[in-house]
N, C-alpha and C. Protein backbone atom coordinates (compact mmCIF):
# COMPACT_ATOMS: atom_id res chain seq x y z
N UNK A 1 37.29 -29.72 -44.91
CA UNK A 1 37.21 -28.30 -45.18
C UNK A 1 35.78 -27.93 -45.57
N UNK A 2 35.23 -26.88 -44.99
CA UNK A 2 33.89 -26.44 -45.39
C UNK A 2 33.92 -25.81 -46.77
N UNK A 3 32.84 -25.97 -47.48
CA UNK A 3 32.72 -25.36 -48.81
C UNK A 3 31.79 -24.17 -48.71
N UNK A 4 32.23 -23.03 -49.24
CA UNK A 4 31.42 -21.82 -49.22
C UNK A 4 30.19 -22.00 -50.08
N UNK A 5 29.04 -21.61 -49.58
CA UNK A 5 27.80 -21.75 -50.33
C UNK A 5 27.31 -20.39 -50.81
N UNK A 6 26.37 -20.42 -51.74
CA UNK A 6 25.87 -19.20 -52.39
C UNK A 6 25.26 -18.22 -51.39
N UNK A 7 24.60 -18.69 -50.36
CA UNK A 7 23.91 -17.80 -49.43
C UNK A 7 24.87 -17.00 -48.56
N UNK A 8 26.12 -17.38 -48.49
CA UNK A 8 27.06 -16.71 -47.60
C UNK A 8 27.81 -15.56 -48.26
N UNK A 9 28.03 -15.61 -49.56
CA UNK A 9 28.84 -14.61 -50.24
C UNK A 9 28.00 -13.36 -50.52
N UNK A 10 28.65 -12.18 -50.45
CA UNK A 10 27.97 -10.92 -50.73
C UNK A 10 28.81 -10.13 -51.73
N UNK A 11 28.16 -9.64 -52.78
CA UNK A 11 28.84 -8.84 -53.80
C UNK A 11 28.16 -7.48 -53.83
N UNK A 12 28.93 -6.44 -53.54
CA UNK A 12 28.38 -5.08 -53.45
C UNK A 12 29.04 -4.18 -54.48
N UNK A 13 28.24 -3.53 -55.31
CA UNK A 13 28.78 -2.57 -56.27
C UNK A 13 29.38 -1.39 -55.52
N UNK A 14 30.38 -0.78 -56.14
CA UNK A 14 30.98 0.41 -55.55
C UNK A 14 30.54 1.63 -56.34
N UNK A 15 30.81 2.81 -55.83
CA UNK A 15 30.40 4.06 -56.48
C UNK A 15 31.36 4.43 -57.60
N UNK A 16 31.49 3.52 -58.54
CA UNK A 16 32.33 3.75 -59.72
C UNK A 16 31.72 2.96 -60.86
N UNK A 17 32.12 3.27 -62.07
CA UNK A 17 31.59 2.55 -63.22
C UNK A 17 31.97 1.08 -63.22
N UNK A 18 33.14 0.79 -62.69
CA UNK A 18 33.64 -0.57 -62.65
C UNK A 18 33.88 -0.99 -61.21
N UNK A 19 33.75 -2.28 -60.95
CA UNK A 19 34.16 -2.82 -59.67
C UNK A 19 33.04 -3.20 -58.73
N UNK A 20 33.36 -4.21 -57.91
CA UNK A 20 32.47 -4.66 -56.84
C UNK A 20 33.35 -5.24 -55.74
N UNK A 21 32.86 -5.16 -54.52
CA UNK A 21 33.56 -5.72 -53.37
C UNK A 21 32.88 -7.03 -53.00
N UNK A 22 33.68 -8.07 -52.86
CA UNK A 22 33.16 -9.38 -52.48
C UNK A 22 33.52 -9.62 -51.01
N UNK A 23 32.52 -9.89 -50.20
CA UNK A 23 32.74 -10.15 -48.78
C UNK A 23 32.12 -11.49 -48.41
N UNK A 24 32.41 -11.91 -47.19
CA UNK A 24 31.94 -13.20 -46.67
C UNK A 24 32.45 -14.35 -47.51
N UNK A 25 33.71 -14.27 -47.91
CA UNK A 25 34.33 -15.33 -48.69
C UNK A 25 35.74 -15.55 -48.17
N UNK A 26 36.12 -16.81 -48.07
CA UNK A 26 37.48 -17.18 -47.70
C UNK A 26 38.07 -17.87 -48.92
N UNK A 27 38.88 -17.15 -49.67
CA UNK A 27 39.42 -17.65 -50.93
C UNK A 27 40.42 -18.79 -50.72
N UNK A 28 40.79 -19.05 -49.48
CA UNK A 28 41.73 -20.15 -49.20
C UNK A 28 41.01 -21.50 -49.10
N UNK A 29 39.68 -21.47 -49.06
CA UNK A 29 38.88 -22.68 -48.91
C UNK A 29 38.18 -23.05 -50.22
N UNK A 30 37.78 -24.32 -50.37
CA UNK A 30 37.02 -24.70 -51.56
C UNK A 30 35.72 -23.90 -51.67
N UNK A 31 35.33 -23.60 -52.88
CA UNK A 31 34.14 -22.78 -53.12
C UNK A 31 33.18 -23.56 -54.00
N UNK A 32 31.91 -23.57 -53.62
CA UNK A 32 30.89 -24.32 -54.34
C UNK A 32 30.73 -23.78 -55.77
N UNK A 33 30.41 -24.67 -56.71
CA UNK A 33 30.26 -24.25 -58.11
C UNK A 33 29.25 -23.11 -58.31
N UNK A 34 28.17 -23.09 -57.56
CA UNK A 34 27.19 -22.01 -57.73
C UNK A 34 27.74 -20.65 -57.29
N UNK A 35 28.65 -20.66 -56.33
CA UNK A 35 29.30 -19.42 -55.91
C UNK A 35 30.26 -18.95 -57.00
N UNK A 36 31.00 -19.88 -57.57
CA UNK A 36 31.91 -19.54 -58.66
C UNK A 36 31.13 -18.93 -59.82
N UNK A 37 29.99 -19.50 -60.15
CA UNK A 37 29.15 -18.94 -61.22
C UNK A 37 28.71 -17.52 -60.88
N UNK A 38 28.34 -17.29 -59.63
CA UNK A 38 27.94 -15.95 -59.20
C UNK A 38 29.12 -14.97 -59.31
N UNK A 39 30.31 -15.41 -58.91
CA UNK A 39 31.49 -14.55 -59.01
C UNK A 39 31.83 -14.25 -60.47
N UNK A 40 31.74 -15.26 -61.32
CA UNK A 40 32.02 -15.05 -62.75
C UNK A 40 31.03 -14.07 -63.37
N UNK A 41 29.76 -14.17 -62.98
CA UNK A 41 28.76 -13.23 -63.50
C UNK A 41 29.05 -11.82 -63.01
N UNK A 42 29.42 -11.69 -61.74
CA UNK A 42 29.78 -10.37 -61.21
C UNK A 42 30.99 -9.81 -61.93
N UNK A 43 31.96 -10.66 -62.26
CA UNK A 43 33.14 -10.20 -62.99
C UNK A 43 32.76 -9.73 -64.39
N UNK A 44 31.86 -10.45 -65.05
CA UNK A 44 31.38 -10.01 -66.37
C UNK A 44 30.63 -8.68 -66.27
N UNK A 45 29.83 -8.53 -65.23
CA UNK A 45 29.02 -7.32 -65.07
C UNK A 45 29.84 -6.11 -64.63
N UNK A 46 30.77 -6.32 -63.69
CA UNK A 46 31.48 -5.20 -63.05
C UNK A 46 32.95 -5.08 -63.47
N UNK A 47 33.51 -6.11 -64.10
CA UNK A 47 34.86 -6.14 -64.67
C UNK A 47 35.99 -6.21 -63.65
N UNK A 48 35.77 -5.78 -62.44
CA UNK A 48 36.79 -5.82 -61.38
C UNK A 48 36.12 -6.31 -60.10
N UNK A 49 36.71 -7.33 -59.47
CA UNK A 49 36.23 -7.79 -58.17
C UNK A 49 37.32 -7.57 -57.14
N UNK A 50 36.93 -7.03 -56.01
CA UNK A 50 37.87 -6.74 -54.91
C UNK A 50 37.56 -7.71 -53.77
N UNK A 51 38.55 -8.52 -53.42
CA UNK A 51 38.43 -9.47 -52.32
C UNK A 51 39.31 -8.94 -51.20
N UNK A 52 38.71 -8.31 -50.21
CA UNK A 52 39.49 -7.69 -49.13
C UNK A 52 39.87 -8.72 -48.07
N UNK A 53 40.99 -8.41 -47.40
CA UNK A 53 41.45 -9.15 -46.22
C UNK A 53 41.64 -10.64 -46.47
N UNK A 54 42.21 -11.00 -47.59
CA UNK A 54 42.50 -12.40 -47.89
C UNK A 54 43.95 -12.69 -47.54
N UNK A 55 44.18 -13.76 -46.84
CA UNK A 55 45.53 -14.22 -46.49
C UNK A 55 45.74 -15.53 -47.23
N UNK A 56 46.43 -15.46 -48.38
CA UNK A 56 46.59 -16.63 -49.22
C UNK A 56 48.07 -16.95 -49.45
N UNK A 57 48.38 -18.22 -49.41
CA UNK A 57 49.72 -18.66 -49.82
C UNK A 57 49.76 -18.59 -51.35
N UNK A 58 50.93 -18.76 -51.91
CA UNK A 58 51.04 -18.77 -53.37
C UNK A 58 50.17 -19.87 -53.98
N UNK A 59 50.18 -21.05 -53.36
CA UNK A 59 49.39 -22.18 -53.85
C UNK A 59 47.89 -21.89 -53.76
N UNK A 60 47.45 -21.29 -52.66
CA UNK A 60 46.04 -20.95 -52.50
C UNK A 60 45.61 -19.91 -53.52
N UNK A 61 46.46 -18.91 -53.78
CA UNK A 61 46.15 -17.90 -54.79
C UNK A 61 46.02 -18.54 -56.17
N UNK A 62 46.94 -19.43 -56.49
CA UNK A 62 46.88 -20.13 -57.77
C UNK A 62 45.59 -20.95 -57.88
N UNK A 63 45.26 -21.70 -56.84
CA UNK A 63 44.04 -22.52 -56.86
C UNK A 63 42.79 -21.65 -57.01
N UNK A 64 42.74 -20.54 -56.30
CA UNK A 64 41.58 -19.64 -56.40
C UNK A 64 41.50 -19.04 -57.80
N UNK A 65 42.62 -18.64 -58.35
CA UNK A 65 42.66 -18.04 -59.70
C UNK A 65 42.15 -19.01 -60.75
N UNK A 66 42.42 -20.29 -60.58
CA UNK A 66 42.01 -21.28 -61.56
C UNK A 66 40.49 -21.45 -61.65
N UNK A 67 39.75 -20.99 -60.64
CA UNK A 67 38.29 -20.99 -60.74
C UNK A 67 37.81 -20.13 -61.91
N UNK A 68 38.62 -19.15 -62.29
CA UNK A 68 38.22 -18.19 -63.33
C UNK A 68 38.78 -18.55 -64.70
N UNK A 69 39.53 -19.63 -64.80
CA UNK A 69 40.06 -20.08 -66.08
C UNK A 69 41.54 -20.35 -66.02
N UNK A 70 42.06 -20.80 -67.14
CA UNK A 70 43.48 -21.13 -67.23
C UNK A 70 44.31 -19.86 -67.10
N UNK A 71 45.50 -20.03 -66.55
CA UNK A 71 46.41 -18.91 -66.36
C UNK A 71 47.50 -18.94 -67.43
N UNK A 72 47.89 -17.78 -67.89
CA UNK A 72 48.98 -17.65 -68.84
C UNK A 72 50.23 -17.25 -68.09
N UNK A 73 51.26 -18.05 -68.24
CA UNK A 73 52.53 -17.77 -67.60
C UNK A 73 53.54 -17.50 -68.71
N UNK A 74 54.00 -16.25 -68.85
CA UNK A 74 54.96 -15.95 -69.92
C UNK A 74 56.29 -16.64 -69.66
N UNK A 75 56.93 -17.00 -70.72
CA UNK A 75 58.22 -17.70 -70.60
C UNK A 75 59.35 -16.68 -70.59
């Protein structure tokens, strides 16, 4: 599986106080640590990240979500 590198991902602010659109990313594939750091910084800066046109299985969504930290599952 190819790993997404920093030069491929694009984060664009939107015309709102919050949010950015992330393009050139396939969330179903492994992502390089430097890209994860860039996404985390964008999340801190913009508070909302929009990943358009992602086709993820439940397992892929879970794996992608774990890049951002542990998940809380209510009982």
